[in-house]
Amino acid sequence: MAITYTCRYCNTHIGRIDDDRVTELQLGFHWLTPDERRDIISYDAAGHSHVRVICETCQEMLEKNPELTLLSHPFQ
């Protein structure tokens, strides 16, 4: 099972884990509420996980301009 991390705002590829031994527990996914899981994690037909997080650049931008969180994709 591959896990791909992508920025939810700018769609930048952040990283990928290609290790079948890594569990959702190790990644901390168990701390997410059901709503957070639906918003953050998706699965493709091959069973790979796609995790939408925030990259460092977008995080810095949001800290400087918090009103940008009102936009669905502020950096595209």
PDB file of N, CA and C in Angstrom:
ATOM      1  N   MET A   1       0.843  -1.181   0.000  1.00  0.00           N
ATOM      2  CA  MET A   1       0.000   0.000   0.000  1.00  0.00           C
ATOM      3  C   MET A   1       0.884   1.239   0.000  1.00  0.00           C
ATOM      4  N   ALA A   2       0.746   2.082  -0.989  1.00  0.00           N
ATOM      5  CA  ALA A   2       1.488   3.338  -1.056  1.00  0.00           C
ATOM      6  C   ALA A   2       0.650   4.444  -0.432  1.00  0.00           C
ATOM      7  N   ILE A   3       1.318   5.372   0.222  1.00  0.00           N
ATOM      8  CA  ILE A   3       0.657   6.525   0.812  1.00  0.00           C
ATOM      9  C   ILE A   3       1.306   7.766   0.224  1.00  0.00           C
ATOM     10  N   THR A   4       0.519   8.569  -0.462  1.00  0.00           N
ATOM     11  CA  THR A   4       1.018   9.777  -1.113  1.00  0.00           C
ATOM     12  C   THR A   4       0.487  10.997  -0.376  1.00  0.00           C
ATOM     13  N   TYR A   5       1.391  11.917  -0.046  1.00  0.00           N
ATOM     14  CA  TYR A   5       1.024  13.165   0.620  1.00  0.00           C
ATOM     15  C   TYR A   5       1.086  14.310  -0.382  1.00  0.00           C
ATOM     16  N   THR A   6      -0.005  15.082  -0.447  1.00  0.00           N
ATOM     17  CA  THR A   6      -0.118  16.206  -1.369  1.00  0.00           C
ATOM     18  C   THR A   6      -0.668  17.404  -0.601  1.00  0.00           C
ATOM     19  N   CYS A   7      -0.215  18.601  -0.957  1.00  0.00           N
ATOM     20  CA  CYS A   7      -0.732  19.807  -0.312  1.00  0.00           C
ATOM     21  C   CYS A   7      -2.170  20.039  -0.765  1.00  0.00           C
ATOM     22  N   ARG A   8      -3.038  20.259   0.180  1.00  0.00           N
ATOM     23  CA  ARG A   8      -4.451  20.467  -0.110  1.00  0.00           C
ATOM     24  C   ARG A   8      -4.724  21.810  -0.776  1.00  0.00           C
ATOM     25  N   TYR A   9      -3.777  22.739  -0.733  1.00  0.00           N
ATOM     26  CA  TYR A   9      -3.980  24.057  -1.323  1.00  0.00           C
ATOM     27  C   TYR A   9      -3.312  24.216  -2.686  1.00  0.00           C
ATOM     28  N   CYS A  10      -2.046  23.859  -2.788  1.00  0.00           N
ATOM     29  CA  CYS A  10      -1.324  24.094  -4.043  1.00  0.00           C
ATOM     30  C   CYS A  10      -1.076  22.809  -4.837  1.00  0.00           C
ATOM     31  N   ASN A  11      -1.502  21.671  -4.301  1.00  0.00           N
ATOM     32  CA  ASN A  11      -1.340  20.359  -4.946  1.00  0.00           C
ATOM     33  C   ASN A  11       0.103  19.938  -5.161  1.00  0.00           C
ATOM     34  N   THR A  12       1.021  20.506  -4.408  1.00  0.00           N
ATOM     35  CA  THR A  12       2.423  20.096  -4.478  1.00  0.00           C
ATOM     36  C   THR A  12       2.584  18.702  -3.885  1.00  0.00           C
ATOM     37  N   HIS A  13       3.335  17.858  -4.579  1.00  0.00           N
ATOM     38  CA  HIS A  13       3.642  16.523  -4.067  1.00  0.00           C
ATOM     39  C   HIS A  13       4.619  16.696  -2.910  1.00  0.00           C
ATOM     40  N   ILE A  14       4.245  16.235  -1.727  1.00  0.00           N
ATOM     41  CA  ILE A  14       5.083  16.396  -0.538  1.00  0.00           C
ATOM     42  C   ILE A  14       5.933  15.158  -0.292  1.00  0.00           C
ATOM     43  N   GLY A  15       5.353  13.999  -0.493  1.00  0.00           N
ATOM     44  CA  GLY A  15       6.117  12.782  -0.271  1.00  0.00           C
ATOM     45  C   GLY A  15       5.283  11.545  -0.480  1.00  0.00           C
ATOM     46  N   ARG A  16       5.968  10.403  -0.403  1.00  0.00           N
ATOM     47  CA  ARG A  16       5.289   9.123  -0.630  1.00  0.00           C
ATOM     48  C   ARG A  16       5.957   8.060   0.233  1.00  0.00           C
ATOM     49  N   ILE A  17       5.144   7.203   0.806  1.00  0.00           N
ATOM     50  CA  ILE A  17       5.638   6.069   1.588  1.00  0.00           C
ATOM     51  C   ILE A  17       5.245   4.807   0.836  1.00  0.00           C
ATOM     52  N   ASP A  18       6.227   4.012   0.460  1.00  0.00           N
ATOM     53  CA  ASP A  18       5.991   2.747  -0.239  1.00  0.00           C
ATOM     54  C   ASP A  18       6.451   1.599   0.644  1.00  0.00           C
ATOM     55  N   ASP A  19       5.751   1.401   1.734  1.00  0.00           N
ATOM     56  CA  ASP A  19       6.125   0.349   2.670  1.00  0.00           C
ATOM     57  C   ASP A  19       4.853  -0.299   3.197  1.00  0.00           C
ATOM     58  N   ASP A  20       4.628  -1.543   2.831  1.00  0.00           N
ATOM     59  CA  ASP A  20       3.422  -2.254   3.252  1.00  0.00           C
ATOM     60  C   ASP A  20       3.359  -2.486   4.758  1.00  0.00           C
ATOM     61  N   ARG A  21       4.477  -2.323   5.433  1.00  0.00           N
ATOM     62  CA  ARG A  21       4.501  -2.565   6.878  1.00  0.00           C
ATOM     63  C   ARG A  21       4.023  -1.367   7.681  1.00  0.00           C
ATOM     64  N   VAL A  22       3.938  -0.187   7.066  1.00  0.00           N
ATOM     65  CA  VAL A  22       3.494   1.010   7.771  1.00  0.00           C
ATOM     66  C   VAL A  22       1.985   0.935   7.971  1.00  0.00           C
ATOM     67  N   THR A  23       1.555   1.155   9.208  1.00  0.00           N
ATOM     68  CA  THR A  23       0.134   1.076   9.525  1.00  0.00           C
ATOM     69  C   THR A  23      -0.449   2.474   9.737  1.00  0.00           C
ATOM     70  N   GLU A  24      -1.768   2.556   9.656  1.00  0.00           N
ATOM     71  CA  GLU A  24      -2.440   3.827   9.919  1.00  0.00           C
ATOM     72  C   GLU A  24      -2.220   4.257  11.364  1.00  0.00           C
ATOM     73  N   LEU A  25      -2.065   3.303  12.249  1.00  0.00           N
ATOM     74  CA  LEU A  25      -1.777   3.609  13.652  1.00  0.00           C
ATOM     75  C   LEU A  25      -0.426   4.316  13.772  1.00  0.00           C
ATOM     76  N   GLN A  26       0.586   3.815  13.068  1.00  0.00           N
ATOM     77  CA  GLN A  26       1.915   4.435  13.101  1.00  0.00           C
ATOM     78  C   GLN A  26       1.880   5.854  12.520  1.00  0.00           C
ATOM     79  N   LEU A  27       1.013   6.073  11.548  1.00  0.00           N
ATOM     80  CA  LEU A  27       0.920   7.384  10.917  1.00  0.00           C
ATOM     81  C   LEU A  27       0.047   8.354  11.709  1.00  0.00           C
ATOM     82  N   GLY A  28      -0.623   7.856  12.720  1.00  0.00           N
ATOM     83  CA  GLY A  28      -1.452   8.715  13.561  1.00  0.00           C
ATOM     84  C   GLY A  28      -2.853   8.946  13.027  1.00  0.00           C
ATOM     85  N   PHE A  29      -3.252   8.195  12.013  1.00  0.00           N
ATOM     86  CA  PHE A  29      -4.582   8.381  11.430  1.00  0.00           C
ATOM     87  C   PHE A  29      -5.694   8.052  12.420  1.00  0.00           C
ATOM     88  N   HIS A  30      -5.392   7.232  13.411  1.00  0.00           N
ATOM     89  CA  HIS A  30      -6.412   6.842  14.389  1.00  0.00           C
ATOM     90  C   HIS A  30      -6.872   8.021  15.243  1.00  0.00           C
ATOM     91  N   TRP A  31      -6.110   9.108  15.263  1.00  0.00           N
ATOM     92  CA  TRP A  31      -6.488  10.294  16.036  1.00  0.00           C
ATOM     93  C   TRP A  31      -7.522  11.150  15.307  1.00  0.00           C
ATOM     94  N   LEU A  32      -7.716  10.895  14.023  1.00  0.00           N
ATOM     95  CA  LEU A  32      -8.647  11.693  13.233  1.00  0.00           C
ATOM     96  C   LEU A  32     -10.095  11.271  13.492  1.00  0.00           C
ATOM     97  N   THR A  33     -10.981  12.258  13.496  1.00  0.00           N
ATOM     98  CA  THR A  33     -12.407  11.956  13.587  1.00  0.00           C
ATOM     99  C   THR A  33     -12.864  11.402  12.237  1.00  0.00           C
ATOM    100  N   PRO A  34     -14.025  10.778  12.178  1.00  0.00           N
ATOM    101  CA  PRO A  34     -14.527  10.292  10.885  1.00  0.00           C
ATOM    102  C   PRO A  34     -14.626  11.409   9.840  1.00  0.00           C
ATOM    103  N   ASP A  35     -15.068  12.599  10.239  1.00  0.00           N
ATOM    104  CA  ASP A  35     -15.149  13.725   9.300  1.00  0.00           C
ATOM    105  C   ASP A  35     -13.767  14.151   8.810  1.00  0.00           C
ATOM    106  N   GLU A  36     -12.792  14.199   9.717  1.00  0.00           N
ATOM    107  CA  GLU A  36     -11.426  14.554   9.326  1.00  0.00           C
ATOM    108  C   GLU A  36     -10.847  13.512   8.370  1.00  0.00           C
ATOM    109  N   ARG A  37     -11.097  12.255   8.646  1.00  0.00           N
ATOM    110  CA  ARG A  37     -10.606  11.184   7.760  1.00  0.00           C
ATOM    111  C   ARG A  37     -11.157  11.353   6.346  1.00  0.00           C
ATOM    112  N   ARG A  38     -12.469  11.631   6.240  1.00  0.00           N
ATOM    113  CA  ARG A  38     -13.081  11.816   4.918  1.00  0.00           C
ATOM    114  C   ARG A  38     -12.498  13.029   4.200  1.00  0.00           C
ATOM    115  N   ASP A  39     -12.161  14.058   4.955  1.00  0.00           N
ATOM    116  CA  ASP A  39     -11.624  15.283   4.367  1.00  0.00           C
ATOM    117  C   ASP A  39     -10.154  15.148   3.977  1.00  0.00           C
ATOM    118  N   ILE A  40      -9.402  14.371   4.720  1.00  0.00           N
ATOM    119  CA  ILE A  40      -7.953  14.311   4.554  1.00  0.00           C
ATOM    120  C   ILE A  40      -7.480  13.109   3.739  1.00  0.00           C
ATOM    121  N   ILE A  41      -8.109  11.943   3.925  1.00  0.00           N
ATOM    122  CA  ILE A  41      -7.618  10.701   3.331  1.00  0.00           C
ATOM    123  C   ILE A  41      -8.597  10.188   2.287  1.00  0.00           C
ATOM    124  N   SER A  42      -8.056   9.819   1.129  1.00  0.00           N
ATOM    125  CA  SER A  42      -8.866   9.147   0.109  1.00  0.00           C
ATOM    126  C   SER A  42      -8.090   7.927  -0.365  1.00  0.00           C
ATOM    127  N   TYR A  43      -8.805   7.023  -0.993  1.00  0.00           N
ATOM    128  CA  TYR A  43      -8.209   5.764  -1.451  1.00  0.00           C
ATOM    129  C   TYR A  43      -8.524   5.579  -2.921  1.00  0.00           C
ATOM    130  N   ASP A  44      -7.550   5.079  -3.687  1.00  0.00           N
ATOM    131  CA  ASP A  44      -7.811   4.818  -5.104  1.00  0.00           C
ATOM    132  C   ASP A  44      -8.187   3.352  -5.305  1.00  0.00           C
ATOM    133  N   ALA A  45      -8.464   2.985  -6.536  1.00  0.00           N
ATOM    134  CA  ALA A  45      -8.920   1.632  -6.863  1.00  0.00           C
ATOM    135  C   ALA A  45      -7.893   0.559  -6.505  1.00  0.00           C
ATOM    136  N   ALA A  46      -6.617   0.925  -6.501  1.00  0.00           N
ATOM    137  CA  ALA A  46      -5.558  -0.034  -6.175  1.00  0.00           C
ATOM    138  C   ALA A  46      -5.341  -0.162  -4.669  1.00  0.00           C
ATOM    139  N   GLY A  47      -6.084   0.602  -3.870  1.00  0.00           N
ATOM    140  CA  GLY A  47      -5.950   0.539  -2.419  1.00  0.00           C
ATOM    141  C   GLY A  47      -4.903   1.470  -1.845  1.00  0.00           C
ATOM    142  N   HIS A  48      -4.340   2.339  -2.672  1.00  0.00           N
ATOM    143  CA  HIS A  48      -3.346   3.299  -2.196  1.00  0.00           C
ATOM    144  C   HIS A  48      -4.038   4.471  -1.521  1.00  0.00           C
ATOM    145  N   SER A  49      -3.392   5.021  -0.513  1.00  0.00           N
ATOM    146  CA  SER A  49      -3.937   6.157   0.226  1.00  0.00           C
ATOM    147  C   SER A  49      -3.381   7.464  -0.324  1.00  0.00           C
ATOM    148  N   HIS A  50      -4.236   8.470  -0.356  1.00  0.00           N
ATOM    149  CA  HIS A  50      -3.839   9.817  -0.751  1.00  0.00           C
ATOM    150  C   HIS A  50      -4.216  10.738   0.398  1.00  0.00           C
ATOM    151  N   VAL A  51      -3.208  11.384   0.977  1.00  0.00           N
ATOM    152  CA  VAL A  51      -3.405  12.206   2.159  1.00  0.00           C
ATOM    153  C   VAL A  51      -3.187  13.659   1.781  1.00  0.00           C
ATOM    154  N   ARG A  52      -4.199  14.473   2.047  1.00  0.00           N
ATOM    155  CA  ARG A  52      -4.122  15.903   1.731  1.00  0.00           C
ATOM    156  C   ARG A  52      -3.787  16.674   3.001  1.00  0.00           C
ATOM    157  N   VAL A  53      -2.583  17.254   3.017  1.00  0.00           N
ATOM    158  CA  VAL A  53      -2.091  18.030   4.152  1.00  0.00           C
ATOM    159  C   VAL A  53      -1.708  19.424   3.660  1.00  0.00           C
ATOM    160  N   ILE A  54      -0.994  20.176   4.464  1.00  0.00           N
ATOM    161  CA  ILE A  54      -0.568  21.520   4.068  1.00  0.00           C
ATOM    162  C   ILE A  54       0.959  21.556   4.014  1.00  0.00           C
ATOM    163  N   CYS A  55       1.512  22.000   2.883  1.00  0.00           N
ATOM    164  CA  CYS A  55       2.970  22.103   2.755  1.00  0.00           C
ATOM    165  C   CYS A  55       3.467  23.309   3.567  1.00  0.00           C
ATOM    166  N   GLU A  56       4.764  23.361   3.785  1.00  0.00           N
ATOM    167  CA  GLU A  56       5.354  24.428   4.587  1.00  0.00           C
ATOM    168  C   GLU A  56       5.102  25.808   3.983  1.00  0.00           C
ATOM    169  N   THR A  57       5.198  25.912   2.668  1.00  0.00           N
ATOM    170  CA  THR A  57       5.002  27.203   2.000  1.00  0.00           C
ATOM    171  C   THR A  57       3.584  27.712   2.224  1.00  0.00           C
ATOM    172  N   CYS A  58       2.599  26.846   2.021  1.00  0.00           N
ATOM    173  CA  CYS A  58       1.204  27.254   2.219  1.00  0.00           C
ATOM    174  C   CYS A  58       0.922  27.532   3.691  1.00  0.00           C
ATOM    175  N   GLN A  59       1.514  26.761   4.582  1.00  0.00           N
ATOM    176  CA  GLN A  59       1.336  26.994   6.015  1.00  0.00           C
ATOM    177  C   GLN A  59       1.834  28.389   6.392  1.00  0.00           C
ATOM    178  N   GLU A  60       3.004  28.768   5.888  1.00  0.00           N
ATOM    179  CA  GLU A  60       3.538  30.107   6.161  1.00  0.00           C
ATOM    180  C   GLU A  60       2.622  31.183   5.596  1.00  0.00           C
ATOM    181  N   MET A  61       2.115  30.966   4.386  1.00  0.00           N
ATOM    182  CA  MET A  61       1.220  31.925   3.761  1.00  0.00           C
ATOM    183  C   MET A  61      -0.067  32.074   4.569  1.00  0.00           C
ATOM    184  N   LEU A  62      -0.609  30.972   5.048  1.00  0.00           N
ATOM    185  CA  LEU A  62      -1.833  31.024   5.839  1.00  0.00           C
ATOM    186  C   LEU A  62      -1.613  31.690   7.191  1.00  0.00           C
ATOM    187  N   GLU A  63      -0.435  31.512   7.763  1.00  0.00           N
ATOM    188  CA  GLU A  63      -0.140  32.173   9.029  1.00  0.00           C
ATOM    189  C   GLU A  63      -0.076  33.686   8.852  1.00  0.00           C
ATOM    190  N   LYS A  64       0.442  34.127   7.715  1.00  0.00           N
ATOM    191  CA  LYS A  64       0.544  35.560   7.427  1.00  0.00           C
ATOM    192  C   LYS A  64      -0.780  36.147   6.947  1.00  0.00           C
ATOM    193  N   ASN A  65      -1.618  35.311   6.312  1.00  0.00           N
ATOM    194  CA  ASN A  65      -2.880  35.765   5.727  1.00  0.00           C
ATOM    195  C   ASN A  65      -3.998  34.778   6.072  1.00  0.00           C
ATOM    196  N   PRO A  66      -4.449  34.745   7.322  1.00  0.00           N
ATOM    197  CA  PRO A  66      -5.441  33.740   7.732  1.00  0.00           C
ATOM    198  C   PRO A  66      -6.761  33.821   6.972  1.00  0.00           C
ATOM    199  N   GLU A  67      -7.061  34.956   6.388  1.00  0.00           N
ATOM    200  CA  GLU A  67      -8.305  35.080   5.624  1.00  0.00           C
ATOM    201  C   GLU A  67      -8.320  34.184   4.390  1.00  0.00           C
ATOM    202  N   LEU A  68      -7.153  33.717   3.952  1.00  0.00           N
ATOM    203  CA  LEU A  68      -7.086  32.839   2.788  1.00  0.00           C
ATOM    204  C   LEU A  68      -7.736  31.480   3.044  1.00  0.00           C
ATOM    205  N   THR A  69      -7.925  31.113   4.313  1.00  0.00           N
ATOM    206  CA  THR A  69      -8.572  29.839   4.609  1.00  0.00           C
ATOM    207  C   THR A  69     -10.038  29.828   4.174  1.00  0.00           C
ATOM    208  N   LEU A  70     -10.579  30.998   3.905  1.00  0.00           N
ATOM    209  CA  LEU A  70     -11.970  31.089   3.448  1.00  0.00           C
ATOM    210  C   LEU A  70     -12.110  30.652   2.004  1.00  0.00           C
ATOM    211  N   LEU A  71     -11.009  30.638   1.252  1.00  0.00           N
ATOM    212  CA  LEU A  71     -11.034  30.238  -0.156  1.00  0.00           C
ATOM    213  C   LEU A  71     -10.803  28.738  -0.250  1.00  0.00           C
ATOM    214  N   SER A  72     -11.435  28.068  -1.201  1.00  0.00           N
ATOM    215  CA  SER A  72     -11.277  26.624  -1.308  1.00  0.00           C
ATOM    216  C   SER A  72      -9.877  26.225  -1.802  1.00  0.00           C
ATOM    217  N   HIS A  73      -9.310  26.963  -2.771  1.00  0.00           N
ATOM    218  CA  HIS A  73      -7.965  26.692  -3.265  1.00  0.00           C
ATOM    219  C   HIS A  73      -7.260  28.036  -3.458  1.00  0.00           C
ATOM    220  N   PRO A  74      -6.798  28.647  -2.365  1.00  0.00           N
ATOM    221  CA  PRO A  74      -6.283  30.016  -2.441  1.00  0.00           C
ATOM    222  C   PRO A  74      -4.989  30.196  -3.225  1.00  0.00           C
ATOM    223  N   PHE A  75      -4.215  29.146  -3.458  1.00  0.00           N
ATOM    224  CA  PHE A  75      -2.911  29.322  -4.067  1.00  0.00           C
ATOM    225  C   PHE A  75      -2.820  28.729  -5.462  1.00  0.00           C
ATOM    226  N   GLN A  76      -3.937  28.561  -6.129  1.00  0.00           N
ATOM    227  CA  GLN A  76      -3.915  28.007  -7.484  1.00  0.00           C
ATOM    228  C   GLN A  76      -4.307  29.069  -8.466  1.00  0.00           C
TER     229      GLN A  76
END
